Amino acid sequence: MPAFDYTSIGFYTFDCLVRPVTQIPPNGDTYFVDELTMAVSGAAGSAAIVAAKHGLTVQAVGGVGHDDMGDWVLMKLSSFGVDTANMELCPDFTTSSSVVTTRPDGARPALHKLGATAGFTVSDAALDSVIDTAILHVGGVGLMGRMDDAGRTAEVMAAAKCKGAQTTLDVFAATREDMGRVAPLLPHTDFFMPSEEEAMAMTGLTDLEDISKNLLDQGAGAVILTCGADGAMYRGSEGMKFDIPAYQIDVVCTCGCGDCFNAGFATGLHLGRSMEDCVRLGQASSAQNAMGLGSQAVVESLDKTLQFMEDTPLKTA
């Protein structure tokens, strides 16, 4: 029996979020906002917390700096029961941090300080504990400089699969150049879950079917494209395919929606649900996230997420 249900490796960030913001004040002026909050976010951070809220035993693997933001990130993860023993304190880096200026429509332009996500690694001494997990998630390829540039991400994912873990993968604000970092990981990836925009940017393609085939041909076991208000599409290497519409909600902030999707999907895997139900759990986690300010804000528990799925209608064409 693995020590953890879910291990989330990669991008952990301290976020300060405000809304509504329509423009930055000119000169030295001050604008007043309705809401301001702090959150642990990032492609690995949000996923770790949502999985913990859903009752999974969770391990965080990433980097923080020796600063107040890093102390807060570690404290907050621990408050949700997330194990932080393999969160590395990176002496030459600050903690990855953002100011998120949420628009009235939920869009979230951000000012981001690159930080310790680029500086951490999984050492040989830590490897056995990192891969002692039923599900291993990597979130934040493109920011994980030390891991990605040395090929360590692929080594960790390969070791996890050899030990029997299921693997999931996500990126952050991907560009065409990131395809070179992602491609070596796909043969070790059971489920690759980028947004449609990220997938287009990486592959240089625009047709979602062509994108899915391209990524499957490079070795992914399945590709799940999250398509915002249009829902999600699943394409598997063995021929399974389906599309599921999004939930009908009032959007407050979309920061972290894809990351929360990843954890909801993993919750379905943990529960042994069908692929359709796994995607629905991902969508329900993402939708709840979008209903509040700050990643995971509205996600409370697995029971509440399952109730949300029963009570909330899906969008119709």
C-alpha atoms as a PDB file:
ATOM      1  CA  MET A   1       0.000   0.000   0.000  1.00  0.00           C
ATOM      2  CA  PRO A   2       1.531   3.364  -1.031  1.00  0.00           C
ATOM      3  CA  ALA A   3       2.162   5.907   1.706  1.00  0.00           C
ATOM      4  CA  PHE A   4       0.179   8.571  -0.190  1.00  0.00           C
ATOM      5  CA  ASP A   5      -2.903   8.600  -2.380  1.00  0.00           C
ATOM      6  CA  TYR A   6      -1.667  11.632  -4.307  1.00  0.00           C
ATOM      7  CA  THR A   7       1.684  13.330  -4.788  1.00  0.00           C
ATOM      8  CA  SER A   8       1.666  16.755  -6.432  1.00  0.00           C
ATOM      9  CA  ILE A   9       5.005  17.897  -7.867  1.00  0.00           C
ATOM     10  CA  GLY A  10       5.871  21.264  -9.375  1.00  0.00           C
ATOM     11  CA  PHE A  11       4.530  24.804  -9.274  1.00  0.00           C
ATOM     12  CA  TYR A  12       3.607  26.143  -5.830  1.00  0.00           C
ATOM     13  CA  THR A  13       2.937  29.854  -5.590  1.00  0.00           C
ATOM     14  CA  PHE A  14       1.817  32.446  -3.064  1.00  0.00           C
ATOM     15  CA  ASP A  15      -1.046  34.465  -4.556  1.00  0.00           C
ATOM     16  CA  CYS A  16      -2.585  37.737  -3.469  1.00  0.00           C
ATOM     17  CA  LEU A  17      -5.862  38.185  -5.347  1.00  0.00           C
ATOM     18  CA  VAL A  18      -8.077  41.260  -5.665  1.00  0.00           C
ATOM     19  CA  ARG A  19     -11.369  41.965  -7.436  1.00  0.00           C
ATOM     20  CA  PRO A  20     -12.841  43.640  -9.291  1.00  0.00           C
ATOM     21  CA  VAL A  21      -9.997  45.274 -11.219  1.00  0.00           C
ATOM     22  CA  THR A  22     -10.619  46.989 -14.544  1.00  0.00           C
ATOM     23  CA  GLN A  23      -7.372  48.942 -14.754  1.00  0.00           C
ATOM     24  CA  ILE A  24      -4.259  49.727 -12.726  1.00  0.00           C
ATOM     25  CA  PRO A  25      -4.494  53.150 -10.997  1.00  0.00           C
ATOM     26  CA  PRO A  26      -2.476  55.827 -12.801  1.00  0.00           C
ATOM     27  CA  ASN A  27       0.386  57.707 -11.137  1.00  0.00           C
ATOM     28  CA  GLY A  28       0.171  57.227  -7.367  1.00  0.00           C
ATOM     29  CA  ASP A  29      -3.617  56.922  -7.188  1.00  0.00           C
ATOM     30  CA  THR A  30      -5.548  54.326  -5.186  1.00  0.00           C
ATOM     31  CA  TYR A  31      -8.577  52.349  -6.347  1.00  0.00           C
ATOM     32  CA  PHE A  32     -10.760  50.559  -3.813  1.00  0.00           C
ATOM     33  CA  VAL A  33     -11.707  46.904  -4.375  1.00  0.00           C
ATOM     34  CA  ASP A  34     -14.441  44.687  -2.956  1.00  0.00           C
ATOM     35  CA  GLU A  35     -12.351  41.624  -2.150  1.00  0.00           C
ATOM     36  CA  LEU A  36      -8.740  40.806  -1.349  1.00  0.00           C
ATOM     37  CA  THR A  37      -7.468  37.391  -0.280  1.00  0.00           C
ATOM     38  CA  MET A  38      -4.401  35.157  -0.202  1.00  0.00           C
ATOM     39  CA  ALA A  39      -4.093  31.586  -1.479  1.00  0.00           C
ATOM     40  CA  VAL A  40      -1.637  28.841  -2.242  1.00  0.00           C
ATOM     41  CA  SER A  41      -2.013  28.361  -5.954  1.00  0.00           C
ATOM     42  CA  GLY A  42      -0.116  26.951  -8.909  1.00  0.00           C
ATOM     43  CA  ALA A  43      -0.491  23.855 -11.061  1.00  0.00           C
ATOM     44  CA  ALA A  44       0.729  21.685  -8.187  1.00  0.00           C
ATOM     45  CA  GLY A  45      -0.389  23.777  -5.212  1.00  0.00           C
ATOM     46  CA  SER A  46      -4.091  24.076  -5.992  1.00  0.00           C
ATOM     47  CA  ALA A  47      -4.230  20.418  -6.955  1.00  0.00           C
ATOM     48  CA  ALA A  48      -2.640  19.335  -3.670  1.00  0.00           C
ATOM     49  CA  ILE A  49      -5.130  21.292  -1.565  1.00  0.00           C
ATOM     50  CA  VAL A  50      -8.244  20.198  -3.456  1.00  0.00           C
ATOM     51  CA  ALA A  51      -7.152  16.554  -3.273  1.00  0.00           C
ATOM     52  CA  ALA A  52      -6.636  16.962   0.485  1.00  0.00           C
ATOM     53  CA  LYS A  53     -10.045  18.589   0.887  1.00  0.00           C
ATOM     54  CA  HIS A  54     -11.502  15.575  -0.926  1.00  0.00           C
ATOM     55  CA  GLY A  55      -9.995  13.292   1.689  1.00  0.00           C
ATOM     56  CA  LEU A  56      -6.934  11.943  -0.127  1.00  0.00           C
ATOM     57  CA  THR A  57      -3.624  11.626   1.690  1.00  0.00           C
ATOM     58  CA  VAL A  58      -1.443  14.143  -0.129  1.00  0.00           C
ATOM     59  CA  GLN A  59       2.257  14.884  -0.447  1.00  0.00           C
ATOM     60  CA  ALA A  60       3.565  18.210  -1.770  1.00  0.00           C
ATOM     61  CA  VAL A  61       6.846  18.272  -3.710  1.00  0.00           C
ATOM     62  CA  GLY A  62       8.243  21.603  -4.856  1.00  0.00           C
ATOM     63  CA  GLY A  63      10.263  24.593  -3.747  1.00  0.00           C
ATOM     64  CA  VAL A  64       9.873  27.721  -1.649  1.00  0.00           C
ATOM     65  CA  GLY A  65      12.263  30.467  -0.610  1.00  0.00           C
ATOM     66  CA  HIS A  66      13.453  31.524   2.829  1.00  0.00           C
ATOM     67  CA  ASP A  67      10.870  34.309   3.084  1.00  0.00           C
ATOM     68  CA  ASP A  68       7.493  35.154   4.570  1.00  0.00           C
ATOM     69  CA  MET A  69       5.627  33.927   1.497  1.00  0.00           C
ATOM     70  CA  GLY A  70       7.347  30.552   1.701  1.00  0.00           C
ATOM     71  CA  ASP A  71       6.574  30.248   5.418  1.00  0.00           C
ATOM     72  CA  TRP A  72       2.925  31.019   4.687  1.00  0.00           C
ATOM     73  CA  VAL A  73       2.724  28.499   1.834  1.00  0.00           C
ATOM     74  CA  LEU A  74       4.103  25.719   4.035  1.00  0.00           C
ATOM     75  CA  MET A  75       1.800  26.674   6.901  1.00  0.00           C
ATOM     76  CA  LYS A  76      -1.253  26.732   4.652  1.00  0.00           C
ATOM     77  CA  LEU A  77      -0.464  23.376   3.038  1.00  0.00           C
ATOM     78  CA  SER A  78       0.009  21.830   6.465  1.00  0.00           C
ATOM     79  CA  SER A  79      -3.301  23.292   7.658  1.00  0.00           C
ATOM     80  CA  PHE A  80      -5.048  21.124   5.067  1.00  0.00           C
ATOM     81  CA  GLY A  81      -3.125  18.032   6.138  1.00  0.00           C
ATOM     82  CA  VAL A  82      -0.745  18.075   3.161  1.00  0.00           C
ATOM     83  CA  ASP A  83       2.659  16.511   3.901  1.00  0.00           C
ATOM     84  CA  THR A  84       5.418  19.049   3.184  1.00  0.00           C
ATOM     85  CA  ALA A  85       8.510  16.975   4.059  1.00  0.00           C
ATOM     86  CA  ASN A  86       9.625  17.065   0.417  1.00  0.00           C
ATOM     87  CA  MET A  87       9.064  20.799  -0.081  1.00  0.00           C
ATOM     88  CA  GLU A  88      12.607  22.109  -0.621  1.00  0.00           C
ATOM     89  CA  LEU A  89      13.860  25.377   0.852  1.00  0.00           C
ATOM     90  CA  CYS A  90      15.848  26.875  -2.031  1.00  0.00           C
ATOM     91  CA  PRO A  91      18.446  29.330  -0.643  1.00  0.00           C
ATOM     92  CA  ASP A  92      19.074  31.226  -3.882  1.00  0.00           C
ATOM     93  CA  PHE A  93      15.406  31.771  -4.736  1.00  0.00           C
ATOM     94  CA  THR A  94      12.398  33.649  -3.423  1.00  0.00           C
ATOM     95  CA  THR A  95       9.025  31.934  -3.237  1.00  0.00           C
ATOM     96  CA  SER A  96       7.100  32.021  -6.514  1.00  0.00           C
ATOM     97  CA  SER A  97       4.466  34.739  -5.967  1.00  0.00           C
ATOM     98  CA  SER A  98       1.709  36.517  -7.861  1.00  0.00           C
ATOM     99  CA  VAL A  99      -0.609  39.489  -7.649  1.00  0.00           C
ATOM    100  CA  VAL A 100      -3.806  38.474  -9.451  1.00  0.00           C
ATOM    101  CA  THR A 101      -6.018  41.322 -10.721  1.00  0.00           C
ATOM    102  CA  THR A 102      -9.365  39.638 -11.272  1.00  0.00           C
ATOM    103  CA  ARG A 103     -11.652  41.270 -13.820  1.00  0.00           C
ATOM    104  CA  PRO A 104     -15.439  41.523 -13.393  1.00  0.00           C
ATOM    105  CA  ASP A 105     -15.885  38.679 -15.916  1.00  0.00           C
ATOM    106  CA  GLY A 106     -13.574  36.357 -13.967  1.00  0.00           C
ATOM    107  CA  ALA A 107     -10.500  36.783 -16.168  1.00  0.00           C
ATOM    108  CA  ARG A 108      -7.364  37.072 -14.074  1.00  0.00           C
ATOM    109  CA  PRO A 109      -4.382  38.983 -15.483  1.00  0.00           C
ATOM    110  CA  ALA A 110      -1.487  38.430 -13.089  1.00  0.00           C
ATOM    111  CA  LEU A 111       1.860  39.908 -12.153  1.00  0.00           C
ATOM    112  CA  HIS A 112       4.159  36.989 -11.347  1.00  0.00           C
ATOM    113  CA  LYS A 113       7.575  36.787  -9.702  1.00  0.00           C
ATOM    114  CA  LEU A 114       9.401  33.670 -10.871  1.00  0.00           C
ATOM    115  CA  GLY A 115      10.871  31.849  -7.908  1.00  0.00           C
ATOM    116  CA  ALA A 116      11.756  28.566  -6.279  1.00  0.00           C
ATOM    117  CA  THR A 117       9.728  26.419  -8.667  1.00  0.00           C
ATOM    118  CA  ALA A 118      12.740  26.811 -10.948  1.00  0.00           C
ATOM    119  CA  GLY A 119      15.202  25.864  -8.215  1.00  0.00           C
ATOM    120  CA  PHE A 120      13.952  22.682  -6.568  1.00  0.00           C
ATOM    121  CA  THR A 121      14.738  19.120  -7.572  1.00  0.00           C
ATOM    122  CA  VAL A 122      13.952  15.589  -6.414  1.00  0.00           C
ATOM    123  CA  SER A 123      17.193  14.190  -5.027  1.00  0.00           C
ATOM    124  CA  ASP A 124      18.163  10.541  -5.223  1.00  0.00           C
ATOM    125  CA  ALA A 125      17.708  10.365  -1.442  1.00  0.00           C
ATOM    126  CA  ALA A 126      14.128  11.673  -1.719  1.00  0.00           C
ATOM    127  CA  LEU A 127      13.059   9.689  -4.783  1.00  0.00           C
ATOM    128  CA  ASP A 128      11.704   6.625  -2.994  1.00  0.00           C
ATOM    129  CA  SER A 129       9.465   8.713  -0.745  1.00  0.00           C
ATOM    130  CA  VAL A 130       8.302  10.926  -3.631  1.00  0.00           C
ATOM    131  CA  ILE A 131       7.129   7.980  -5.733  1.00  0.00           C
ATOM    132  CA  ASP A 132       5.559   6.105  -2.786  1.00  0.00           C
ATOM    133  CA  THR A 133       2.141   7.139  -4.077  1.00  0.00           C
ATOM    134  CA  ALA A 134      -0.891   5.759  -5.900  1.00  0.00           C
ATOM    135  CA  ILE A 135      -1.191   8.819  -8.170  1.00  0.00           C
ATOM    136  CA  LEU A 136       1.691  11.101  -9.130  1.00  0.00           C
ATOM    137  CA  HIS A 137       0.819  14.493 -10.588  1.00  0.00           C
ATOM    138  CA  VAL A 138       3.298  16.860 -12.226  1.00  0.00           C
ATOM    139  CA  GLY A 139       2.001  20.388 -12.652  1.00  0.00           C
ATOM    140  CA  GLY A 140       3.993  23.313 -13.956  1.00  0.00           C
ATOM    141  CA  VAL A 141       6.246  22.072 -16.752  1.00  0.00           C
ATOM    142  CA  GLY A 142       7.777  25.169 -18.268  1.00  0.00           C
ATOM    143  CA  LEU A 143       8.573  26.716 -14.884  1.00  0.00           C
ATOM    144  CA  MET A 144      10.450  23.779 -13.321  1.00  0.00           C
ATOM    145  CA  GLY A 145      13.841  24.815 -14.653  1.00  0.00           C
ATOM    146  CA  ARG A 146      16.157  22.584 -12.618  1.00  0.00           C
ATOM    147  CA  MET A 147      13.894  19.539 -12.919  1.00  0.00           C
ATOM    148  CA  ASP A 148      13.054  19.907 -16.588  1.00  0.00           C
ATOM    149  CA  ASP A 149      16.445  20.994 -17.896  1.00  0.00           C
ATOM    150  CA  ALA A 150      18.204  18.028 -16.279  1.00  0.00           C
ATOM    151  CA  GLY A 151      15.600  15.504 -17.431  1.00  0.00           C
ATOM    152  CA  ARG A 152      14.747  14.778 -13.805  1.00  0.00           C
ATOM    153  CA  THR A 153      10.995  15.154 -14.310  1.00  0.00           C
ATOM    154  CA  ALA A 154      10.996  12.296 -16.819  1.00  0.00           C
ATOM    155  CA  GLU A 155      13.109  10.147 -14.496  1.00  0.00           C
ATOM    156  CA  VAL A 156      10.719  10.680 -11.590  1.00  0.00           C
ATOM    157  CA  MET A 157       7.645   9.951 -13.688  1.00  0.00           C
ATOM    158  CA  ALA A 158       9.229   6.817 -15.155  1.00  0.00           C
ATOM    159  CA  ALA A 159      10.175   5.588 -11.675  1.00  0.00           C
ATOM    160  CA  ALA A 160       6.656   6.221 -10.404  1.00  0.00           C
ATOM    161  CA  LYS A 161       5.103   4.266 -13.263  1.00  0.00           C
ATOM    162  CA  CYS A 162       7.520   1.395 -12.714  1.00  0.00           C
ATOM    163  CA  LYS A 163       6.330   1.284  -9.113  1.00  0.00           C
ATOM    164  CA  GLY A 164       2.697   1.125 -10.241  1.00  0.00           C
ATOM    165  CA  ALA A 165       1.532   4.709  -9.830  1.00  0.00           C
ATOM    166  CA  GLN A 166      -0.869   6.383 -12.230  1.00  0.00           C
ATOM    167  CA  THR A 167       0.586   9.594 -13.627  1.00  0.00           C
ATOM    168  CA  THR A 168      -1.050  12.875 -14.573  1.00  0.00           C
ATOM    169  CA  LEU A 169       0.601  15.888 -16.199  1.00  0.00           C
ATOM    170  CA  ASP A 170      -0.176  19.563 -16.660  1.00  0.00           C
ATOM    171  CA  VAL A 171       1.733  22.626 -17.846  1.00  0.00           C
ATOM    172  CA  PHE A 172       1.692  26.347 -17.067  1.00  0.00           C
ATOM    173  CA  ALA A 173       0.934  29.001 -19.697  1.00  0.00           C
ATOM    174  CA  ALA A 174       2.670  26.846 -22.286  1.00  0.00           C
ATOM    175  CA  THR A 175       4.477  28.150 -25.365  1.00  0.00           C
ATOM    176  CA  ARG A 176       5.734  26.410 -28.503  1.00  0.00           C
ATOM    177  CA  GLU A 177       9.136  26.037 -26.847  1.00  0.00           C
ATOM    178  CA  ASP A 178       7.610  24.018 -23.999  1.00  0.00           C
ATOM    179  CA  MET A 179       6.793  21.139 -26.348  1.00  0.00           C
ATOM    180  CA  GLY A 180      10.452  20.154 -26.129  1.00  0.00           C
ATOM    181  CA  ARG A 181      10.074  19.828 -22.349  1.00  0.00           C
ATOM    182  CA  VAL A 182       6.728  18.024 -22.509  1.00  0.00           C
ATOM    183  CA  ALA A 183       7.489  15.487 -25.253  1.00  0.00           C
ATOM    184  CA  PRO A 184       9.944  13.371 -23.165  1.00  0.00           C
ATOM    185  CA  LEU A 185       7.307  13.140 -20.419  1.00  0.00           C
ATOM    186  CA  LEU A 186       4.406  11.901 -22.532  1.00  0.00           C
ATOM    187  CA  PRO A 187       5.523   8.229 -22.727  1.00  0.00           C
ATOM    188  CA  HIS A 188       5.415   8.226 -18.900  1.00  0.00           C
ATOM    189  CA  THR A 189       2.044  10.020 -18.713  1.00  0.00           C
ATOM    190  CA  ASP A 190      -1.270   8.230 -18.258  1.00  0.00           C
ATOM    191  CA  PHE A 191      -3.351  11.428 -18.461  1.00  0.00           C
ATOM    192  CA  PHE A 192      -2.160  14.715 -20.001  1.00  0.00           C
ATOM    193  CA  MET A 193      -4.507  17.569 -19.053  1.00  0.00           C
ATOM    194  CA  PRO A 194      -3.632  20.948 -20.611  1.00  0.00           C
ATOM    195  CA  SER A 195      -6.116  23.660 -21.466  1.00  0.00           C
ATOM    196  CA  GLU A 196      -7.066  23.976 -25.110  1.00  0.00           C
ATOM    197  CA  GLU A 197      -5.074  27.234 -25.334  1.00  0.00           C
ATOM    198  CA  GLU A 198      -1.976  25.598 -23.869  1.00  0.00           C
ATOM    199  CA  ALA A 199      -2.307  22.608 -26.177  1.00  0.00           C
ATOM    200  CA  MET A 200      -2.626  24.878 -29.208  1.00  0.00           C
ATOM    201  CA  ALA A 201       0.404  26.901 -28.189  1.00  0.00           C
ATOM    202  CA  MET A 202       2.571  23.813 -27.602  1.00  0.00           C
ATOM    203  CA  THR A 203       1.680  21.917 -30.752  1.00  0.00           C
ATOM    204  CA  GLY A 204       1.194  24.838 -33.153  1.00  0.00           C
ATOM    205  CA  LEU A 205      -2.106  23.235 -34.201  1.00  0.00           C
ATOM    206  CA  THR A 206      -5.626  24.650 -33.934  1.00  0.00           C
ATOM    207  CA  ASP A 207      -7.963  21.699 -34.502  1.00  0.00           C
ATOM    208  CA  LEU A 208      -8.596  19.959 -31.173  1.00  0.00           C
ATOM    209  CA  GLU A 209      -8.846  16.500 -32.736  1.00  0.00           C
ATOM    210  CA  ASP A 210      -5.513  17.007 -34.504  1.00  0.00           C
ATOM    211  CA  ILE A 211      -3.984  18.252 -31.251  1.00  0.00           C
ATOM    212  CA  SER A 212      -5.200  15.215 -29.328  1.00  0.00           C
ATOM    213  CA  LYS A 213      -3.897  12.814 -31.978  1.00  0.00           C
ATOM    214  CA  ASN A 214      -0.530  14.571 -32.030  1.00  0.00           C
ATOM    215  CA  LEU A 215      -0.127  14.229 -28.258  1.00  0.00           C
ATOM    216  CA  LEU A 216      -1.359  10.626 -28.220  1.00  0.00           C
ATOM    217  CA  ASP A 217       1.081   9.766 -31.001  1.00  0.00           C
ATOM    218  CA  GLN A 218       3.893  11.075 -28.790  1.00  0.00           C
ATOM    219  CA  GLY A 219       3.043   8.544 -26.101  1.00  0.00           C
ATOM    220  CA  ALA A 220       0.363   9.948 -23.781  1.00  0.00           C
ATOM    221  CA  GLY A 221      -2.089   7.345 -22.531  1.00  0.00           C
ATOM    222  CA  ALA A 222      -4.958   9.823 -22.751  1.00  0.00           C
ATOM    223  CA  VAL A 223      -5.391  13.527 -23.481  1.00  0.00           C
ATOM    224  CA  ILE A 224      -7.983  15.590 -21.616  1.00  0.00           C
ATOM    225  CA  LEU A 225      -8.369  19.108 -22.963  1.00  0.00           C
ATOM    226  CA  THR A 226     -10.079  21.559 -20.624  1.00  0.00           C
ATOM    227  CA  CYS A 227     -12.041  24.025 -22.698  1.00  0.00           C
ATOM    228  CA  GLY A 228     -13.342  26.560 -20.180  1.00  0.00           C
ATOM    229  CA  ALA A 229     -16.998  27.381 -20.695  1.00  0.00           C
ATOM    230  CA  ASP A 230     -17.154  24.730 -23.439  1.00  0.00           C
ATOM    231  CA  GLY A 231     -16.415  21.872 -21.033  1.00  0.00           C
ATOM    232  CA  ALA A 232     -13.815  19.165 -21.548  1.00  0.00           C
ATOM    233  CA  MET A 233     -12.916  16.511 -24.103  1.00  0.00           C
ATOM    234  CA  TYR A 234     -11.307  13.117 -23.450  1.00  0.00           C
ATOM    235  CA  ARG A 235      -9.361  11.203 -26.095  1.00  0.00           C
ATOM    236  CA  GLY A 236      -7.687   7.930 -25.140  1.00  0.00           C
ATOM    237  CA  SER A 237      -4.964   5.974 -26.903  1.00  0.00           C
ATOM    238  CA  GLU A 238      -7.192   2.883 -26.944  1.00  0.00           C
ATOM    239  CA  GLY A 239     -10.050   4.686 -28.693  1.00  0.00           C
ATOM    240  CA  MET A 240     -12.229   5.964 -25.851  1.00  0.00           C
ATOM    241  CA  LYS A 241     -13.517   9.441 -26.612  1.00  0.00           C
ATOM    242  CA  PHE A 242     -16.189  11.690 -25.160  1.00  0.00           C
ATOM    243  CA  ASP A 243     -17.025  15.359 -24.585  1.00  0.00           C
ATOM    244  CA  ILE A 244     -18.723  16.734 -21.471  1.00  0.00           C
ATOM    245  CA  PRO A 245     -20.237  20.236 -21.217  1.00  0.00           C
ATOM    246  CA  ALA A 246     -19.345  22.619 -18.413  1.00  0.00           C
ATOM    247  CA  TYR A 247     -21.504  23.319 -15.384  1.00  0.00           C
ATOM    248  CA  GLN A 248     -23.795  26.344 -15.454  1.00  0.00           C
ATOM    249  CA  ILE A 249     -22.369  28.738 -12.833  1.00  0.00           C
ATOM    250  CA  ASP A 250     -21.793  32.407 -12.139  1.00  0.00           C
ATOM    251  CA  VAL A 251     -18.049  32.962 -12.527  1.00  0.00           C
ATOM    252  CA  VAL A 252     -16.169  35.047  -9.954  1.00  0.00           C
ATOM    253  CA  CYS A 253     -12.512  34.193 -10.709  1.00  0.00           C
ATOM    254  CA  THR A 254     -10.970  31.595 -13.010  1.00  0.00           C
ATOM    255  CA  CYS A 255      -7.565  31.533 -11.270  1.00  0.00           C
ATOM    256  CA  GLY A 256      -6.619  27.908 -10.598  1.00  0.00           C
ATOM    257  CA  CYS A 257      -9.557  26.301 -12.394  1.00  0.00           C
ATOM    258  CA  GLY A 258      -7.439  23.903 -14.448  1.00  0.00           C
ATOM    259  CA  ASP A 259      -5.367  22.987 -11.400  1.00  0.00           C
ATOM    260  CA  CYS A 260      -8.485  22.148  -9.397  1.00  0.00           C
ATOM    261  CA  PHE A 261      -9.746  20.098 -12.347  1.00  0.00           C
ATOM    262  CA  ASN A 262      -6.610  17.967 -12.066  1.00  0.00           C
ATOM    263  CA  ALA A 263      -7.291  17.162  -8.418  1.00  0.00           C
ATOM    264  CA  GLY A 264     -10.956  16.425  -9.015  1.00  0.00           C
ATOM    265  CA  PHE A 265     -10.023  14.042 -11.808  1.00  0.00           C
ATOM    266  CA  ALA A 266      -7.492  12.344  -9.511  1.00  0.00           C
ATOM    267  CA  THR A 267     -10.196  12.010  -6.865  1.00  0.00           C
ATOM    268  CA  GLY A 268     -12.224  10.036  -9.375  1.00  0.00           C
ATOM    269  CA  LEU A 269      -9.246   7.787 -10.078  1.00  0.00           C
ATOM    270  CA  HIS A 270      -8.786   7.273  -6.341  1.00  0.00           C
ATOM    271  CA  LEU A 271     -12.443   6.288  -5.973  1.00  0.00           C
ATOM    272  CA  GLY A 272     -12.299   3.910  -8.950  1.00  0.00           C
ATOM    273  CA  ARG A 273     -14.884   5.876 -10.914  1.00  0.00           C
ATOM    274  CA  SER A 274     -15.435   5.630 -14.677  1.00  0.00           C
ATOM    275  CA  MET A 275     -13.483   7.985 -16.920  1.00  0.00           C
ATOM    276  CA  GLU A 276     -16.631  10.028 -17.511  1.00  0.00           C
ATOM    277  CA  ASP A 277     -17.152  10.402 -13.777  1.00  0.00           C
ATOM    278  CA  CYS A 278     -13.482  11.302 -13.265  1.00  0.00           C
ATOM    279  CA  VAL A 279     -13.834  14.138 -15.778  1.00  0.00           C
ATOM    280  CA  ARG A 280     -17.100  15.262 -14.181  1.00  0.00           C
ATOM    281  CA  LEU A 281     -15.414  15.357 -10.773  1.00  0.00           C
ATOM    282  CA  GLY A 282     -12.677  17.441 -12.350  1.00  0.00           C
ATOM    283  CA  GLN A 283     -15.206  19.823 -13.840  1.00  0.00           C
ATOM    284  CA  ALA A 284     -17.129  20.097 -10.579  1.00  0.00           C
ATOM    285  CA  SER A 285     -13.935  20.963  -8.698  1.00  0.00           C
ATOM    286  CA  SER A 286     -13.013  23.537 -11.326  1.00  0.00           C
ATOM    287  CA  ALA A 287     -16.494  25.059 -11.348  1.00  0.00           C
ATOM    288  CA  GLN A 288     -16.596  25.441  -7.566  1.00  0.00           C
ATOM    289  CA  ASN A 289     -13.180  27.087  -7.715  1.00  0.00           C
ATOM    290  CA  ALA A 290     -14.507  29.605 -10.247  1.00  0.00           C
ATOM    291  CA  MET A 291     -17.336  30.615  -7.914  1.00  0.00           C
ATOM    292  CA  GLY A 292     -15.032  32.328  -5.379  1.00  0.00           C
ATOM    293  CA  LEU A 293     -11.900  34.435  -5.170  1.00  0.00           C
ATOM    294  CA  GLY A 294      -8.695  32.513  -4.591  1.00  0.00           C
ATOM    295  CA  SER A 295      -7.818  29.020  -5.739  1.00  0.00           C
ATOM    296  CA  GLN A 296      -9.946  26.302  -4.096  1.00  0.00           C
ATOM    297  CA  ALA A 297     -12.027  28.969  -2.322  1.00  0.00           C
ATOM    298  CA  VAL A 298     -15.408  27.248  -2.665  1.00  0.00           C
ATOM    299  CA  VAL A 299     -14.198  23.629  -2.639  1.00  0.00           C
ATOM    300  CA  GLU A 300     -14.914  22.240   0.835  1.00  0.00           C
ATOM    301  CA  SER A 301     -15.118  18.452   0.803  1.00  0.00           C
ATOM    302  CA  LEU A 302     -15.830  15.442  -1.364  1.00  0.00           C
ATOM    303  CA  ASP A 303     -19.410  15.289  -0.088  1.00  0.00           C
ATOM    304  CA  LYS A 304     -19.968  18.923  -1.064  1.00  0.00           C
ATOM    305  CA  THR A 305     -18.427  18.343  -4.494  1.00  0.00           C
ATOM    306  CA  LEU A 306     -20.663  15.313  -5.101  1.00  0.00           C
ATOM    307  CA  GLN A 307     -23.683  17.339  -3.967  1.00  0.00           C
ATOM    308  CA  PHE A 308     -22.656  20.144  -6.319  1.00  0.00           C
ATOM    309  CA  MET A 309     -22.657  17.623  -9.168  1.00  0.00           C
ATOM    310  CA  GLU A 310     -26.202  16.542  -8.321  1.00  0.00           C
ATOM    311  CA  ASP A 311     -27.580  20.042  -7.868  1.00  0.00           C
ATOM    312  CA  THR A 312     -25.868  22.023 -10.644  1.00  0.00           C
ATOM    313  CA  PRO A 313     -27.101  21.821 -14.239  1.00  0.00           C
ATOM    314  CA  LEU A 314     -24.782  21.386 -17.177  1.00  0.00           C
ATOM    315  CA  LYS A 315     -24.663  23.975 -19.918  1.00  0.00           C
ATOM    316  CA  THR A 316     -26.751  23.284 -22.980  1.00  0.00           C
ATOM    317  CA  ALA A 317     -25.753  24.142 -26.536  1.00  0.00           C
END
